[in-house]
PDB file of N, CA and C in Angstrom:
ATOM      1  N   MET A   1      -8.226  17.269   7.642  1.00  0.00           N
ATOM      2  CA  MET A   1      -7.383  16.548   6.383  1.00  0.00           C
ATOM      3  C   MET A   1      -7.597  17.671   5.029  1.00  0.00           C
ATOM      4  N   LYS A   2      -6.274  17.484   5.042  1.00  0.00           N
ATOM      5  CA  LYS A   2      -5.862  18.038   4.131  1.00  0.00           C
ATOM      6  C   LYS A   2      -6.192  17.458   3.108  1.00  0.00           C
ATOM      7  N   LYS A   3      -7.065  18.270   1.343  1.00  0.00           N
ATOM      8  CA  LYS A   3      -7.263  18.032   0.480  1.00  0.00           C
ATOM      9  C   LYS A   3      -5.811  18.399  -0.152  1.00  0.00           C
ATOM     10  N   GLU A   4      -6.092  16.911  -1.348  1.00  0.00           N
ATOM     11  CA  GLU A   4      -5.039  17.128  -2.627  1.00  0.00           C
ATOM     12  C   GLU A   4      -5.695  16.747  -3.592  1.00  0.00           C
ATOM     13  N   ILE A   5      -5.116  17.655  -5.066  1.00  0.00           N
ATOM     14  CA  ILE A   5      -5.759  17.886  -6.270  1.00  0.00           C
ATOM     15  C   ILE A   5      -5.248  16.473  -6.921  1.00  0.00           C
ATOM     16  N   LEU A   6      -5.467  15.216  -6.765  1.00  0.00           N
ATOM     17  CA  LEU A   6      -4.659  14.319  -7.521  1.00  0.00           C
ATOM     18  C   LEU A   6      -5.026  14.090  -9.048  1.00  0.00           C
ATOM     19  N   THR A   7      -3.593  14.045  -9.735  1.00  0.00           N
ATOM     20  CA  THR A   7      -3.006  14.668 -11.181  1.00  0.00           C
ATOM     21  C   THR A   7      -2.880  12.345 -11.541  1.00  0.00           C
ATOM     22  N   GLU A   8      -2.339  12.480 -12.477  1.00  0.00           N
ATOM     23  CA  GLU A   8      -2.981  11.280 -13.227  1.00  0.00           C
ATOM     24  C   GLU A   8      -1.162  10.487 -12.964  1.00  0.00           C
ATOM     25  N   GLU A   9      -0.035  11.514 -13.114  1.00  0.00           N
ATOM     26  CA  GLU A   9       1.296  11.667 -12.506  1.00  0.00           C
ATOM     27  C   GLU A   9       1.429  10.785 -10.946  1.00  0.00           C
ATOM     28  N   LYS A  10       0.302  11.767 -10.109  1.00  0.00           N
ATOM     29  CA  LYS A  10       0.124  11.382  -8.960  1.00  0.00           C
ATOM     30  C   LYS A  10      -0.066   9.894  -8.702  1.00  0.00           C
ATOM     31  N   ILE A  11      -0.961   9.761  -9.394  1.00  0.00           N
ATOM     32  CA  ILE A  11      -1.516   7.932  -9.258  1.00  0.00           C
ATOM     33  C   ILE A  11      -0.476   6.943 -10.014  1.00  0.00           C
ATOM     34  N   LYS A  12       0.066   8.157 -11.063  1.00  0.00           N
ATOM     35  CA  LYS A  12       0.868   6.642 -11.035  1.00  0.00           C
ATOM     36  C   LYS A  12       1.909   6.350 -10.443  1.00  0.00           C
ATOM     37  N   ASN A  13       2.290   6.943  -9.855  1.00  0.00           N
ATOM     38  CA  ASN A  13       3.424   7.067  -8.864  1.00  0.00           C
ATOM     39  C   ASN A  13       2.750   6.539  -7.441  1.00  0.00           C
ATOM     40  N   ARG A  14       1.604   6.710  -7.218  1.00  0.00           N
ATOM     41  CA  ARG A  14       1.249   5.866  -5.606  1.00  0.00           C
ATOM     42  C   ARG A  14       0.668   4.259  -5.800  1.00  0.00           C
ATOM     43  N   TRP A  15       0.531   4.118  -7.384  1.00  0.00           N
ATOM     44  CA  TRP A  15       0.222   2.219  -7.625  1.00  0.00           C
ATOM     45  C   TRP A  15       1.571   2.163  -8.207  1.00  0.00           C
ATOM     46  N   THR A  16       2.524   2.630  -8.498  1.00  0.00           N
ATOM     47  CA  THR A  16       3.486   2.115  -8.404  1.00  0.00           C
ATOM     48  C   THR A  16       4.750   1.730  -7.154  1.00  0.00           C
ATOM     49  N   GLN A  17       4.378   2.916  -5.825  1.00  0.00           N
ATOM     50  CA  GLN A  17       4.372   2.285  -4.406  1.00  0.00           C
ATOM     51  C   GLN A  17       3.994   1.457  -4.486  1.00  0.00           C
ATOM     52  N   MET A  18       2.703   1.399  -4.215  1.00  0.00           N
ATOM     53  CA  MET A  18       1.534   0.539  -3.751  1.00  0.00           C
ATOM     54  C   MET A  18       2.093  -1.162  -4.724  1.00  0.00           C
ATOM     55  N   GLU A  19       2.309  -1.372  -6.062  1.00  0.00           N
ATOM     56  CA  GLU A  19       3.188  -2.196  -5.987  1.00  0.00           C
ATOM     57  C   GLU A  19       4.321  -3.179  -5.519  1.00  0.00           C
ATOM     58  N   GLU A  20       5.241  -1.656  -5.317  1.00  0.00           N
ATOM     59  CA  GLU A  20       6.119  -2.113  -4.725  1.00  0.00           C
ATOM     60  C   GLU A  20       6.208  -2.218  -3.157  1.00  0.00           C
ATOM     61  N   MET A  21       5.489  -1.905  -2.487  1.00  0.00           N
ATOM     62  CA  MET A  21       5.019  -2.417  -1.052  1.00  0.00           C
ATOM     63  C   MET A  21       4.385  -3.609  -1.297  1.00  0.00           C
ATOM     64  N   ASN A  22       3.317  -3.870  -1.689  1.00  0.00           N
ATOM     65  CA  ASN A  22       2.836  -5.736  -2.388  1.00  0.00           C
ATOM     66  C   ASN A  22       4.190  -6.367  -2.361  1.00  0.00           C
ATOM     67  N   GLN A  23       4.822  -6.472  -3.331  1.00  0.00           N
ATOM     68  CA  GLN A  23       5.778  -7.671  -3.381  1.00  0.00           C
ATOM     69  C   GLN A  23       6.483  -7.697  -1.863  1.00  0.00           C
ATOM     70  N   ILE A  24       7.058  -6.635  -0.928  1.00  0.00           N
ATOM     71  CA  ILE A  24       7.572  -6.492  -0.281  1.00  0.00           C
ATOM     72  C   ILE A  24       7.096  -7.161   0.737  1.00  0.00           C
ATOM     73  N   TRP A  25       5.313  -6.875   1.132  1.00  0.00           N
ATOM     74  CA  TRP A  25       4.691  -7.866   1.953  1.00  0.00           C
ATOM     75  C   TRP A  25       4.820  -9.420   1.494  1.00  0.00           C
ATOM     76  N   ASP A  26       4.339  -9.254   0.075  1.00  0.00           N
ATOM     77  CA  ASP A  26       4.552 -11.515  -0.272  1.00  0.00           C
ATOM     78  C   ASP A  26       5.820 -12.207   0.346  1.00  0.00           C
ATOM     79  N   LYS A  27       6.609 -10.983   0.739  1.00  0.00           N
ATOM     80  CA  LYS A  27       8.135 -11.728   1.050  1.00  0.00           C
ATOM     81  C   LYS A  27       8.371 -11.838   2.749  1.00  0.00           C
ATOM     82  N   LEU A  28       7.506 -11.453   3.331  1.00  0.00           N
ATOM     83  CA  LEU A  28       7.183 -11.681   4.502  1.00  0.00           C
ATOM     84  C   LEU A  28       6.553 -13.057   5.493  1.00  0.00           C
ATOM     85  N   SER A  29       6.904 -13.382   6.610  1.00  0.00           N
ATOM     86  CA  SER A  29       6.498 -14.245   6.668  1.00  0.00           C
ATOM     87  C   SER A  29       4.686 -14.234   7.441  1.00  0.00           C
ATOM     88  N   GLU A  30       4.434 -14.935   7.955  1.00  0.00           N
ATOM     89  CA  GLU A  30       3.137 -14.398   8.730  1.00  0.00           C
ATOM     90  C   GLU A  30       3.174 -13.444  10.113  1.00  0.00           C
ATOM     91  N   ARG A  31       4.485 -13.895  10.626  1.00  0.00           N
ATOM     92  CA  ARG A  31       4.602 -13.463  12.297  1.00  0.00           C
ATOM     93  C   ARG A  31       5.046 -11.759  11.628  1.00  0.00           C
ATOM     94  N   GLN A  32       5.726 -11.886  10.749  1.00  0.00           N
ATOM     95  CA  GLN A  32       6.268 -10.246  10.098  1.00  0.00           C
ATOM     96  C   GLN A  32       4.642  -9.548  10.131  1.00  0.00           C
ATOM     97  N   LYS A  33       4.196 -10.243   9.194  1.00  0.00           N
ATOM     98  CA  LYS A  33       2.710  -9.493   8.760  1.00  0.00           C
ATOM     99  C   LYS A  33       1.865  -9.513   9.651  1.00  0.00           C
ATOM    100  N   GLY A  34       1.998 -10.256  10.522  1.00  0.00           N
ATOM    101  CA  GLY A  34       1.390  -9.488  12.097  1.00  0.00           C
ATOM    102  C   GLY A  34       1.145  -8.794  12.607  1.00  0.00           C
ATOM    103  N   TYR A  35       2.936  -8.546  13.040  1.00  0.00           N
ATOM    104  CA  TYR A  35       3.321  -7.422  13.590  1.00  0.00           C
ATOM    105  C   TYR A  35       3.206  -6.120  12.814  1.00  0.00           C
ATOM    106  N   LEU A  36       3.940  -6.121  11.480  1.00  0.00           N
ATOM    107  CA  LEU A  36       2.813  -4.934  10.773  1.00  0.00           C
ATOM    108  C   LEU A  36       1.371  -4.592  10.943  1.00  0.00           C
ATOM    109  N   ASP A  37       0.653  -5.507  10.819  1.00  0.00           N
ATOM    110  CA  ASP A  37      -0.618  -5.513  10.981  1.00  0.00           C
ATOM    111  C   ASP A  37      -0.867  -4.804  12.566  1.00  0.00           C
ATOM    112  N   GLY A  38      -0.288  -5.256  13.508  1.00  0.00           N
ATOM    113  CA  GLY A  38      -0.917  -4.811  15.169  1.00  0.00           C
ATOM    114  C   GLY A  38      -0.413  -3.011  14.635  1.00  0.00           C
ATOM    115  N   CYS A  39       1.225  -2.910  14.469  1.00  0.00           N
ATOM    116  CA  CYS A  39       1.715  -1.558  14.448  1.00  0.00           C
ATOM    117  C   CYS A  39       0.684  -0.483  13.440  1.00  0.00           C
ATOM    118  N   MET A  40      -0.273  -0.856  12.050  1.00  0.00           N
ATOM    119  CA  MET A  40       0.007   0.084  11.549  1.00  0.00           C
ATOM    120  C   MET A  40      -2.076  -0.038  12.336  1.00  0.00           C
ATOM    121  N   ASN A  41      -2.737  -0.519  12.275  1.00  0.00           N
ATOM    122  CA  ASN A  41      -3.797  -0.449  13.671  1.00  0.00           C
ATOM    123  C   ASN A  41      -4.008   0.070  14.945  1.00  0.00           C
ATOM    124  N   THR A  42      -2.403   0.059  15.591  1.00  0.00           N
ATOM    125  CA  THR A  42      -1.845   0.985  16.667  1.00  0.00           C
ATOM    126  C   THR A  42      -2.085   2.190  15.992  1.00  0.00           C
ATOM    127  N   VAL A  43      -1.245   3.278  15.339  1.00  0.00           N
ATOM    128  CA  VAL A  43      -1.492   4.404  14.435  1.00  0.00           C
ATOM    129  C   VAL A  43      -3.165   4.604  13.440  1.00  0.00           C
ATOM    130  N   ILE A  44      -3.514   3.652  13.218  1.00  0.00           N
ATOM    131  CA  ILE A  44      -5.082   3.972  12.893  1.00  0.00           C
ATOM    132  C   ILE A  44      -5.274   4.485  14.124  1.00  0.00           C
ATOM    133  N   ALA A  45      -5.890   3.513  15.304  1.00  0.00           N
ATOM    134  CA  ALA A  45      -6.615   4.067  15.999  1.00  0.00           C
ATOM    135  C   ALA A  45      -5.896   5.296  16.863  1.00  0.00           C
ATOM    136  N   MET A  46      -5.076   5.628  16.788  1.00  0.00           N
ATOM    137  CA  MET A  46      -3.952   7.266  17.685  1.00  0.00           C
ATOM    138  C   MET A  46      -4.918   8.182  16.933  1.00  0.00           C
ATOM    139  N   ALA A  47      -4.186   7.865  15.128  1.00  0.00           N
ATOM    140  CA  ALA A  47      -5.052   8.928  14.602  1.00  0.00           C
ATOM    141  C   ALA A  47      -6.566   9.403  13.919  1.00  0.00           C
ATOM    142  N   GLY A  48      -7.236   8.422  14.867  1.00  0.00           N
ATOM    143  CA  GLY A  48      -8.584   8.487  15.323  1.00  0.00           C
ATOM    144  C   GLY A  48      -9.049   9.203  16.380  1.00  0.00           C
ATOM    145  N   GLN A  49      -8.375   8.610  17.117  1.00  0.00           N
ATOM    146  CA  GLN A  49      -7.660   9.731  19.190  1.00  0.00           C
ATOM    147  C   GLN A  49      -7.685  11.126  18.790  1.00  0.00           C
ATOM    148  N   GLU A  50      -6.722  11.417  17.734  1.00  0.00           N
ATOM    149  CA  GLU A  50      -6.036  12.736  17.721  1.00  0.00           C
ATOM    150  C   GLU A  50      -7.053  13.300  16.923  1.00  0.00           C
ATOM    151  N   GLN A  51      -8.255  13.244  15.973  1.00  0.00           N
ATOM    152  CA  GLN A  51      -8.984  13.222  14.879  1.00  0.00           C
ATOM    153  C   GLN A  51      -9.811  13.936  16.066  1.00  0.00           C
ATOM    154  N   LYS A  52      -9.952  12.769  17.568  1.00  0.00           N
ATOM    155  CA  LYS A  52     -11.542  13.672  17.844  1.00  0.00           C
ATOM    156  C   LYS A  52     -10.842  14.329  19.007  1.00  0.00           C
ATOM    157  N   THR A  53      -9.852  14.540  19.268  1.00  0.00           N
ATOM    158  CA  THR A  53      -9.858  15.571  20.520  1.00  0.00           C
ATOM    159  C   THR A  53      -8.918  16.728  19.669  1.00  0.00           C
ATOM    160  N   ALA A  54      -9.023  17.231  18.346  1.00  0.00           N
ATOM    161  CA  ALA A  54      -8.336  18.334  17.804  1.00  0.00           C
ATOM    162  C   ALA A  54      -9.544  19.679  17.540  1.00  0.00           C
TER     163      ALA A  54
END
């Protein structure tokens, strides 16, 4: 995993992105949230497999 130096500016940018994503998430239906949860879990599982085999 690549290490990155976090500056105050990067943290503020990421916080803004998180707030924007949270607003979008709050507007989704439960069905849409379930679909995206499944997608995220698949990506996490695949990333974990890649790390173990690399």
